[in-house]
Amino acid sequence: MPATSKAQQKAAGAALAAKRGEEPRSHLRGASKQMEESMTEKQLEEFAGTKRKGLPEKKG
């Protein structure tokens, strides 16, 4: 399932970095923290890999 907004795509990228150990979990907050805890790495890759062109800034 692709991300539906730029904010969602960015949050997924931050959560994916934390899940892989590239960034500390303490840097996460809000949606990215919840995503890291509740989603698998594969799901996060799908959200983070969404092309940003044409997406709204925030989900309407």
PDB file of N, CA and C in Angstrom:
ATOM      1  N   MET A   1       0.846  -1.180   0.000  1.00  0.00           N
ATOM      2  CA  MET A   1       0.000   0.000   0.000  1.00  0.00           C
ATOM      3  C   MET A   1       0.892   1.245   0.000  1.00  0.00           C
ATOM      4  N   PRO A   2       0.735   2.109  -0.967  1.00  0.00           N
ATOM      5  CA  PRO A   2       1.582   3.308  -1.015  1.00  0.00           C
ATOM      6  C   PRO A   2       1.111   4.386  -0.041  1.00  0.00           C
ATOM      7  N   ALA A   3       2.005   5.278   0.293  1.00  0.00           N
ATOM      8  CA  ALA A   3       1.671   6.414   1.157  1.00  0.00           C
ATOM      9  C   ALA A   3       0.688   7.319   0.428  1.00  0.00           C
ATOM     10  N   THR A   4      -0.193   7.980   1.193  1.00  0.00           N
ATOM     11  CA  THR A   4      -1.197   8.849   0.575  1.00  0.00           C
ATOM     12  C   THR A   4      -0.867  10.326   0.716  1.00  0.00           C
ATOM     13  N   SER A   5       0.250  10.655   1.382  1.00  0.00           N
ATOM     14  CA  SER A   5       0.667  12.047   1.502  1.00  0.00           C
ATOM     15  C   SER A   5       2.179  12.102   1.703  1.00  0.00           C
ATOM     16  N   LYS A   6       2.740  13.285   1.477  1.00  0.00           N
ATOM     17  CA  LYS A   6       4.175  13.474   1.672  1.00  0.00           C
ATOM     18  C   LYS A   6       4.555  13.285   3.141  1.00  0.00           C
ATOM     19  N   ALA A   7       3.705  13.760   4.043  1.00  0.00           N
ATOM     20  CA  ALA A   7       3.983  13.628   5.477  1.00  0.00           C
ATOM     21  C   ALA A   7       4.033  12.156   5.880  1.00  0.00           C
ATOM     22  N   GLN A   8       3.127  11.358   5.350  1.00  0.00           N
ATOM     23  CA  GLN A   8       3.092   9.929   5.658  1.00  0.00           C
ATOM     24  C   GLN A   8       4.343   9.236   5.109  1.00  0.00           C
ATOM     25  N   GLN A   9       4.776   9.632   3.932  1.00  0.00           N
ATOM     26  CA  GLN A   9       5.969   9.043   3.322  1.00  0.00           C
ATOM     27  C   GLN A   9       7.213   9.385   4.128  1.00  0.00           C
ATOM     28  N   LYS A  10       7.316  10.630   4.595  1.00  0.00           N
ATOM     29  CA  LYS A  10       8.463  11.046   5.410  1.00  0.00           C
ATOM     30  C   LYS A  10       8.485  10.304   6.741  1.00  0.00           C
ATOM     31  N   ALA A  11       7.327  10.165   7.378  1.00  0.00           N
ATOM     32  CA  ALA A  11       7.234   9.458   8.651  1.00  0.00           C
ATOM     33  C   ALA A  11       7.648   8.000   8.486  1.00  0.00           C
ATOM     34  N   ALA A  12       7.242   7.386   7.396  1.00  0.00           N
ATOM     35  CA  ALA A  12       7.608   5.998   7.142  1.00  0.00           C
ATOM     36  C   ALA A  12       9.118   5.871   6.936  1.00  0.00           C
ATOM     37  N   GLY A  13       9.722   6.835   6.262  1.00  0.00           N
ATOM     38  CA  GLY A  13      11.176   6.811   6.066  1.00  0.00           C
ATOM     39  C   GLY A  13      11.930   6.914   7.377  1.00  0.00           C
ATOM     40  N   ALA A  14      11.464   7.767   8.262  1.00  0.00           N
ATOM     41  CA  ALA A  14      12.103   7.914   9.573  1.00  0.00           C
ATOM     42  C   ALA A  14      11.937   6.639  10.396  1.00  0.00           C
ATOM     43  N   ALA A  15      10.742   6.052  10.354  1.00  0.00           N
ATOM     44  CA  ALA A  15      10.482   4.814  11.094  1.00  0.00           C
ATOM     45  C   ALA A  15      11.326   3.669  10.548  1.00  0.00           C
ATOM     46  N   LEU A  16      11.475   3.612   9.239  1.00  0.00           N
ATOM     47  CA  LEU A  16      12.278   2.559   8.617  1.00  0.00           C
ATOM     48  C   LEU A  16      13.744   2.683   9.028  1.00  0.00           C
ATOM     49  N   ALA A  17      14.263   3.893   9.057  1.00  0.00           N
ATOM     50  CA  ALA A  17      15.651   4.103   9.477  1.00  0.00           C
ATOM     51  C   ALA A  17      15.855   3.643  10.920  1.00  0.00           C
ATOM     52  N   ALA A  18      14.891   3.911  11.781  1.00  0.00           N
ATOM     53  CA  ALA A  18      15.000   3.486  13.176  1.00  0.00           C
ATOM     54  C   ALA A  18      14.905   1.969  13.290  1.00  0.00           C
ATOM     55  N   LYS A  19      14.010   1.363  12.528  1.00  0.00           N
ATOM     56  CA  LYS A  19      13.842  -0.092  12.589  1.00  0.00           C
ATOM     57  C   LYS A  19      15.102  -0.799  12.112  1.00  0.00           C
ATOM     58  N   ARG A  20      15.805  -0.215  11.149  1.00  0.00           N
ATOM     59  CA  ARG A  20      17.037  -0.806  10.639  1.00  0.00           C
ATOM     60  C   ARG A  20      18.246  -0.496  11.519  1.00  0.00           C
ATOM     61  N   GLY A  21      18.073   0.386  12.496  1.00  0.00           N
ATOM     62  CA  GLY A  21      19.176   0.733  13.383  1.00  0.00           C
ATOM     63  C   GLY A  21      20.044   1.854  12.858  1.00  0.00           C
ATOM     64  N   GLU A  22      19.616   2.529  11.800  1.00  0.00           N
ATOM     65  CA  GLU A  22      20.390   3.626  11.225  1.00  0.00           C
ATOM     66  C   GLU A  22      20.220   4.912  12.018  1.00  0.00           C
ATOM     67  N   GLU A  23      19.105   5.044  12.712  1.00  0.00           N
ATOM     68  CA  GLU A  23      18.813   6.197  13.562  1.00  0.00           C
ATOM     69  C   GLU A  23      18.319   5.679  14.908  1.00  0.00           C
ATOM     70  N   PRO A  24      18.605   6.376  15.989  1.00  0.00           N
ATOM     71  CA  PRO A  24      18.097   5.923  17.288  1.00  0.00           C
ATOM     72  C   PRO A  24      16.585   6.110  17.395  1.00  0.00           C
ATOM     73  N   ARG A  25      15.944   5.172  18.085  1.00  0.00           N
ATOM     74  CA  ARG A  25      14.490   5.257  18.277  1.00  0.00           C
ATOM     75  C   ARG A  25      14.091   6.505  19.045  1.00  0.00           C
ATOM     76  N   SER A  26      14.979   7.026  19.847  1.00  0.00           N
ATOM     77  CA  SER A  26      14.667   8.209  20.655  1.00  0.00           C
ATOM     78  C   SER A  26      14.432   9.448  19.789  1.00  0.00           C
ATOM     79  N   HIS A  27      14.847   9.416  18.523  1.00  0.00           N
ATOM     80  CA  HIS A  27      14.628  10.546  17.625  1.00  0.00           C
ATOM     81  C   HIS A  27      13.233  10.547  17.019  1.00  0.00           C
ATOM     82  N   LEU A  28      12.516   9.441  17.180  1.00  0.00           N
ATOM     83  CA  LEU A  28      11.169   9.344  16.615  1.00  0.00           C
ATOM     84  C   LEU A  28      10.148   9.987  17.530  1.00  0.00           C
ATOM     85  N   ARG A  29       9.095  10.531  16.903  1.00  0.00           N
ATOM     86  CA  ARG A  29       7.977  11.056  17.673  1.00  0.00           C
ATOM     87  C   ARG A  29       6.735  11.028  16.791  1.00  0.00           C
ATOM     88  N   GLY A  30       5.590  11.080  17.403  1.00  0.00           N
ATOM     89  CA  GLY A  30       4.338  11.118  16.671  1.00  0.00           C
ATOM     90  C   GLY A  30       4.103   9.899  15.806  1.00  0.00           C
ATOM     91  N   ALA A  31       3.687  10.155  14.570  1.00  0.00           N
ATOM     92  CA  ALA A  31       3.299   9.081  13.651  1.00  0.00           C
ATOM     93  C   ALA A  31       4.455   8.131  13.353  1.00  0.00           C
ATOM     94  N   SER A  32       5.657   8.662  13.214  1.00  0.00           N
ATOM     95  CA  SER A  32       6.786   7.788  12.885  1.00  0.00           C
ATOM     96  C   SER A  32       7.071   6.808  14.020  1.00  0.00           C
ATOM     97  N   LYS A  33       6.878   7.227  15.246  1.00  0.00           N
ATOM     98  CA  LYS A  33       7.086   6.336  16.396  1.00  0.00           C
ATOM     99  C   LYS A  33       6.049   5.213  16.393  1.00  0.00           C
ATOM    100  N   GLN A  34       4.803   5.568  16.120  1.00  0.00           N
ATOM    101  CA  GLN A  34       3.740   4.560  16.062  1.00  0.00           C
ATOM    102  C   GLN A  34       3.958   3.599  14.889  1.00  0.00           C
ATOM    103  N   MET A  35       4.386   4.138  13.767  1.00  0.00           N
ATOM    104  CA  MET A  35       4.632   3.293  12.600  1.00  0.00           C
ATOM    105  C   MET A  35       5.757   2.301  12.869  1.00  0.00           C
ATOM    106  N   GLU A  36       6.817   2.750  13.506  1.00  0.00           N
ATOM    107  CA  GLU A  36       7.960   1.882  13.794  1.00  0.00           C
ATOM    108  C   GLU A  36       7.544   0.730  14.699  1.00  0.00           C
ATOM    109  N   GLU A  37       6.665   1.003  15.647  1.00  0.00           N
ATOM    110  CA  GLU A  37       6.238  -0.024  16.596  1.00  0.00           C
ATOM    111  C   GLU A  37       5.242  -1.006  15.984  1.00  0.00           C
ATOM    112  N   SER A  38       4.383  -0.540  15.075  1.00  0.00           N
ATOM    113  CA  SER A  38       3.274  -1.370  14.628  1.00  0.00           C
ATOM    114  C   SER A  38       3.431  -1.988  13.241  1.00  0.00           C
ATOM    115  N   MET A  39       4.413  -1.551  12.458  1.00  0.00           N
ATOM    116  CA  MET A  39       4.542  -2.033  11.085  1.00  0.00           C
ATOM    117  C   MET A  39       5.824  -2.845  10.912  1.00  0.00           C
ATOM    118  N   THR A  40       5.793  -3.749   9.938  1.00  0.00           N
ATOM    119  CA  THR A  40       6.980  -4.534   9.621  1.00  0.00           C
ATOM    120  C   THR A  40       7.916  -3.703   8.742  1.00  0.00           C
ATOM    121  N   GLU A  41       9.132  -4.171   8.600  1.00  0.00           N
ATOM    122  CA  GLU A  41      10.094  -3.460   7.757  1.00  0.00           C
ATOM    123  C   GLU A  41       9.618  -3.432   6.302  1.00  0.00           C
ATOM    124  N   LYS A  42       9.009  -4.511   5.845  1.00  0.00           N
ATOM    125  CA  LYS A  42       8.513  -4.574   4.467  1.00  0.00           C
ATOM    126  C   LYS A  42       7.392  -3.550   4.256  1.00  0.00           C
ATOM    127  N   GLN A  43       6.485  -3.420   5.204  1.00  0.00           N
ATOM    128  CA  GLN A  43       5.409  -2.440   5.075  1.00  0.00           C
ATOM    129  C   GLN A  43       5.975  -1.020   5.051  1.00  0.00           C
ATOM    130  N   LEU A  44       6.956  -0.769   5.908  1.00  0.00           N
ATOM    131  CA  LEU A  44       7.570   0.558   5.943  1.00  0.00           C
ATOM    132  C   LEU A  44       8.294   0.871   4.641  1.00  0.00           C
ATOM    133  N   GLU A  45       8.930  -0.141   4.043  1.00  0.00           N
ATOM    134  CA  GLU A  45       9.606   0.055   2.763  1.00  0.00           C
ATOM    135  C   GLU A  45       8.610   0.471   1.682  1.00  0.00           C
ATOM    136  N   GLU A  46       7.424  -0.138   1.688  1.00  0.00           N
ATOM    137  CA  GLU A  46       6.405   0.202   0.702  1.00  0.00           C
ATOM    138  C   GLU A  46       5.946   1.655   0.861  1.00  0.00           C
ATOM    139  N   PHE A  47       5.715   2.075   2.105  1.00  0.00           N
ATOM    140  CA  PHE A  47       5.281   3.447   2.354  1.00  0.00           C
ATOM    141  C   PHE A  47       6.402   4.434   2.027  1.00  0.00           C
ATOM    142  N   ALA A  48       7.598   4.145   2.478  1.00  0.00           N
ATOM    143  CA  ALA A  48       8.719   5.067   2.288  1.00  0.00           C
ATOM    144  C   ALA A  48       9.145   5.146   0.821  1.00  0.00           C
ATOM    145  N   GLY A  49       8.908   4.094   0.063  1.00  0.00           N
ATOM    146  CA  GLY A  49       9.318   4.053  -1.335  1.00  0.00           C
ATOM    147  C   GLY A  49       8.352   4.712  -2.290  1.00  0.00           C
ATOM    148  N   THR A  50       7.259   5.244  -1.776  1.00  0.00           N
ATOM    149  CA  THR A  50       6.261   5.903  -2.617  1.00  0.00           C
ATOM    150  C   THR A  50       6.858   7.167  -3.240  1.00  0.00           C
ATOM    151  N   LYS A  51       6.619   7.348  -4.524  1.00  0.00           N
ATOM    152  CA  LYS A  51       7.065   8.572  -5.199  1.00  0.00           C
ATOM    153  C   LYS A  51       6.293   9.756  -4.634  1.00  0.00           C
ATOM    154  N   ARG A  52       6.975  10.861  -4.359  1.00  0.00           N
ATOM    155  CA  ARG A  52       6.349  12.016  -3.724  1.00  0.00           C
ATOM    156  C   ARG A  52       5.673  12.956  -4.717  1.00  0.00           C
ATOM    157  N   LYS A  53       6.019  12.841  -5.981  1.00  0.00           N
ATOM    158  CA  LYS A  53       5.439  13.740  -6.984  1.00  0.00           C
ATOM    159  C   LYS A  53       3.926  13.533  -7.057  1.00  0.00           C
ATOM    160  N   GLY A  54       3.193  14.602  -6.915  1.00  0.00           N
ATOM    161  CA  GLY A  54       1.747  14.542  -7.015  1.00  0.00           C
ATOM    162  C   GLY A  54       1.016  14.258  -5.722  1.00  0.00           C
ATOM    163  N   LEU A  55       1.749  13.946  -4.661  1.00  0.00           N
ATOM    164  CA  LEU A  55       1.103  13.685  -3.371  1.00  0.00           C
ATOM    165  C   LEU A  55       0.828  15.010  -2.653  1.00  0.00           C
ATOM    166  N   PRO A  56      -0.278  15.083  -1.917  1.00  0.00           N
ATOM    167  CA  PRO A  56      -0.524  16.289  -1.113  1.00  0.00           C
ATOM    168  C   PRO A  56       0.416  16.321   0.083  1.00  0.00           C
ATOM    169  N   GLU A  57       0.642  17.503   0.652  1.00  0.00           N
ATOM    170  CA  GLU A  57       1.506  17.622   1.832  1.00  0.00           C
ATOM    171  C   GLU A  57       0.979  16.779   2.979  1.00  0.00           C
ATOM    172  N   LYS A  58      -0.320  16.915   3.252  1.00  0.00           N
ATOM    173  CA  LYS A  58      -0.945  16.169   4.338  1.00  0.00           C
ATOM    174  C   LYS A  58      -2.194  15.493   3.827  1.00  0.00           C
ATOM    175  N   LYS A  59      -2.519  14.400   4.464  1.00  0.00           N
ATOM    176  CA  LYS A  59      -3.716  13.645   4.092  1.00  0.00           C
ATOM    177  C   LYS A  59      -4.948  14.474   4.408  1.00  0.00           C
ATOM    178  N   GLY A  60      -5.814  14.662   3.451  1.00  0.00           N
ATOM    179  CA  GLY A  60      -6.962  15.527   3.572  1.00  0.00           C
ATOM    180  C   GLY A  60      -8.068  14.928   4.324  1.00  0.00           C
TER     181      GLY A  60
END
